[in-house]
Structures are given as C-alpha cells and as structure tokens.
Protein backbone atom coordinates (compact mmCIF):
# COMPACT_ATOMS: atom_id res chain seq x y z
CA MET A 1 0.00 0.00 0.00
CA THR A 2 1.06 3.55 -0.62
CA ILE A 3 -0.01 6.67 1.28
CA TYR A 4 -1.07 9.81 -0.58
CA ILE A 5 -0.35 13.16 1.10
CA GLY A 6 -2.19 16.11 -0.40
CA ASN A 7 -2.31 19.86 0.28
CA LEU A 8 1.40 19.69 1.01
CA SER A 9 3.51 22.80 1.45
CA PHE A 10 5.70 23.52 -1.58
CA GLN A 11 8.61 23.95 0.85
CA ALA A 12 8.36 20.35 2.13
CA THR A 13 11.28 18.09 1.21
CA GLU A 14 11.62 14.31 1.02
CA GLU A 15 13.70 14.47 4.21
CA ASP A 16 10.95 16.45 6.00
CA LEU A 17 8.40 13.80 5.05
CA LYS A 18 10.67 10.93 6.09
CA GLU A 19 11.14 12.57 9.48
CA VAL A 20 7.40 12.98 10.09
CA PHE A 21 6.41 9.51 8.91
CA ALA A 22 9.33 7.75 10.65
CA GLU A 23 7.48 8.46 13.90
CA TYR A 24 5.01 5.78 12.77
CA GLY A 25 7.52 3.19 11.52
CA GLU A 26 10.09 2.45 8.84
CA VAL A 27 9.70 4.55 5.70
CA ARG A 28 10.68 2.59 2.59
CA ARG A 29 10.14 5.21 -0.10
CA VAL A 30 9.18 8.86 -0.52
CA SER A 31 8.07 10.32 -3.84
CA LEU A 32 7.65 14.08 -4.13
CA PRO A 33 6.57 14.73 -7.75
CA ALA A 34 7.62 17.89 -9.56
CA ASP A 35 6.14 19.54 -12.64
CA ARG A 36 8.02 18.35 -15.74
CA GLU A 37 8.19 21.78 -17.33
CA THR A 38 8.89 24.04 -14.36
CA GLY A 39 10.51 21.65 -11.88
CA ARG A 40 8.22 23.09 -9.18
CA LYS A 41 6.83 20.68 -6.59
CA ARG A 42 3.20 19.78 -7.23
CA GLY A 43 1.92 19.95 -3.64
CA PHE A 44 1.49 16.24 -3.00
CA ALA A 45 3.61 13.20 -2.19
CA PHE A 46 3.52 9.44 -1.84
CA ILE A 47 4.99 7.47 1.07
CA GLU A 48 5.54 3.74 1.27
CA MET A 49 6.12 2.23 4.70
CA ALA A 50 7.37 -1.20 5.79
CA SER A 51 4.15 -2.14 7.61
CA GLU A 52 0.54 -1.64 6.58
CA ALA A 53 -0.44 -1.30 10.25
CA ASN A 54 2.01 1.62 10.57
CA GLU A 55 0.61 3.17 7.38
CA ASP A 56 -2.92 2.94 8.79
CA LYS A 57 -1.81 4.58 12.05
CA ALA A 58 -0.02 7.39 10.18
CA ILE A 59 -3.11 8.00 8.03
CA SER A 60 -5.48 8.14 11.00
CA GLU A 61 -3.24 10.48 13.00
CA LEU A 62 -2.01 12.80 10.23
CA ASP A 63 -5.12 13.26 8.08
CA GLY A 64 -6.35 16.78 8.79
CA ALA A 65 -3.25 17.71 10.81
CA GLU A 66 -1.69 21.12 10.25
CA TRP A 67 1.91 20.93 9.04
CA MET A 68 4.00 23.75 7.58
CA GLY A 69 0.92 25.99 7.59
CA ARG A 70 -1.27 23.57 5.59
CA GLU A 71 -3.99 21.12 6.59
CA LEU A 72 -2.80 17.77 5.24
CA ARG A 73 -4.97 15.28 3.40
CA VAL A 74 -3.56 11.83 4.10
CA ASN A 75 -5.15 8.65 2.78
CA LYS A 76 -4.51 5.41 0.93
CA ALA A 77 -3.33 6.13 -2.58
CA ARG A 78 -5.66 5.00 -5.33
CA PRO A 79 -4.30 3.09 -8.32
CA ARG A 80 -3.09 5.39 -11.07
CA THR A 81 -5.41 5.80 -14.04
CA ASP A 82 -4.35 6.96 -17.47
CA SER A 83 -6.00 10.38 -17.67
CA ARG A 84 -4.00 11.73 -20.58
CA GLY A 85 -6.97 11.35 -22.91
CA GLY A 86 -6.29 10.52 -26.52
CA GLY A 87 -8.76 7.73 -26.85
CA SER A 88 -9.05 5.13 -29.56
CA SER A 89 -9.21 5.65 -33.28
CA GLY A 90 -11.99 3.08 -33.46
CA GLY A 91 -9.93 0.86 -35.72
CA ARG A 92 -9.67 3.49 -38.45
CA SER A 93 -6.42 4.34 -40.12
CA PHE A 94 -5.32 7.96 -40.46
CA ASN A 95 -2.87 8.06 -43.34
C-alpha cells in the first residue's frame, strides 16, 4: 500500500516527510513529484512504509493535521489511471 499526502507545502522536502512519517515506523520510499516543465513541486507526495499497520496509524493520526501551515490530506493512494486522454481511433487508419 502507498499513502497519498495532499495539500502539502511547496517547501516540504523528502527528508521532512521521512522525518514525520518515521514516527510511525520504517519509511521505505518517498516520492515528491515535480512539474516536468517548471521543476516546481506539485503539492502532494507518496509514502511507502514497511508495515501496513504503521501506514494505517499514520493515516489516522495525520489526516487533517496542520503541518507547515497547511492542513494535510492523508489517505490510501488509489491506483493510477491513465487520464492523458487521446482515446481510440476506433480501428480506423489515419494516413
């Protein structure tokens, strides 16, 4: 399972997140996505912990908590969906 952290301060670093979530158990991975074009942080992150029980505890205690001046949204990450659009050509060829 992966934890999603939303409404994150743009000043937050991977190290900041590791420090906060380490209070609930071993942190295996931190992902802090940045915009491809600007390199600016996108205001959310993903955390993977060693134990699902620790993830559940972190979610219940940190969801809605104020951190770095923002009220965090912390929950189980949903599977990624391809939202880039495009669609199908319906079997037609465009030559």
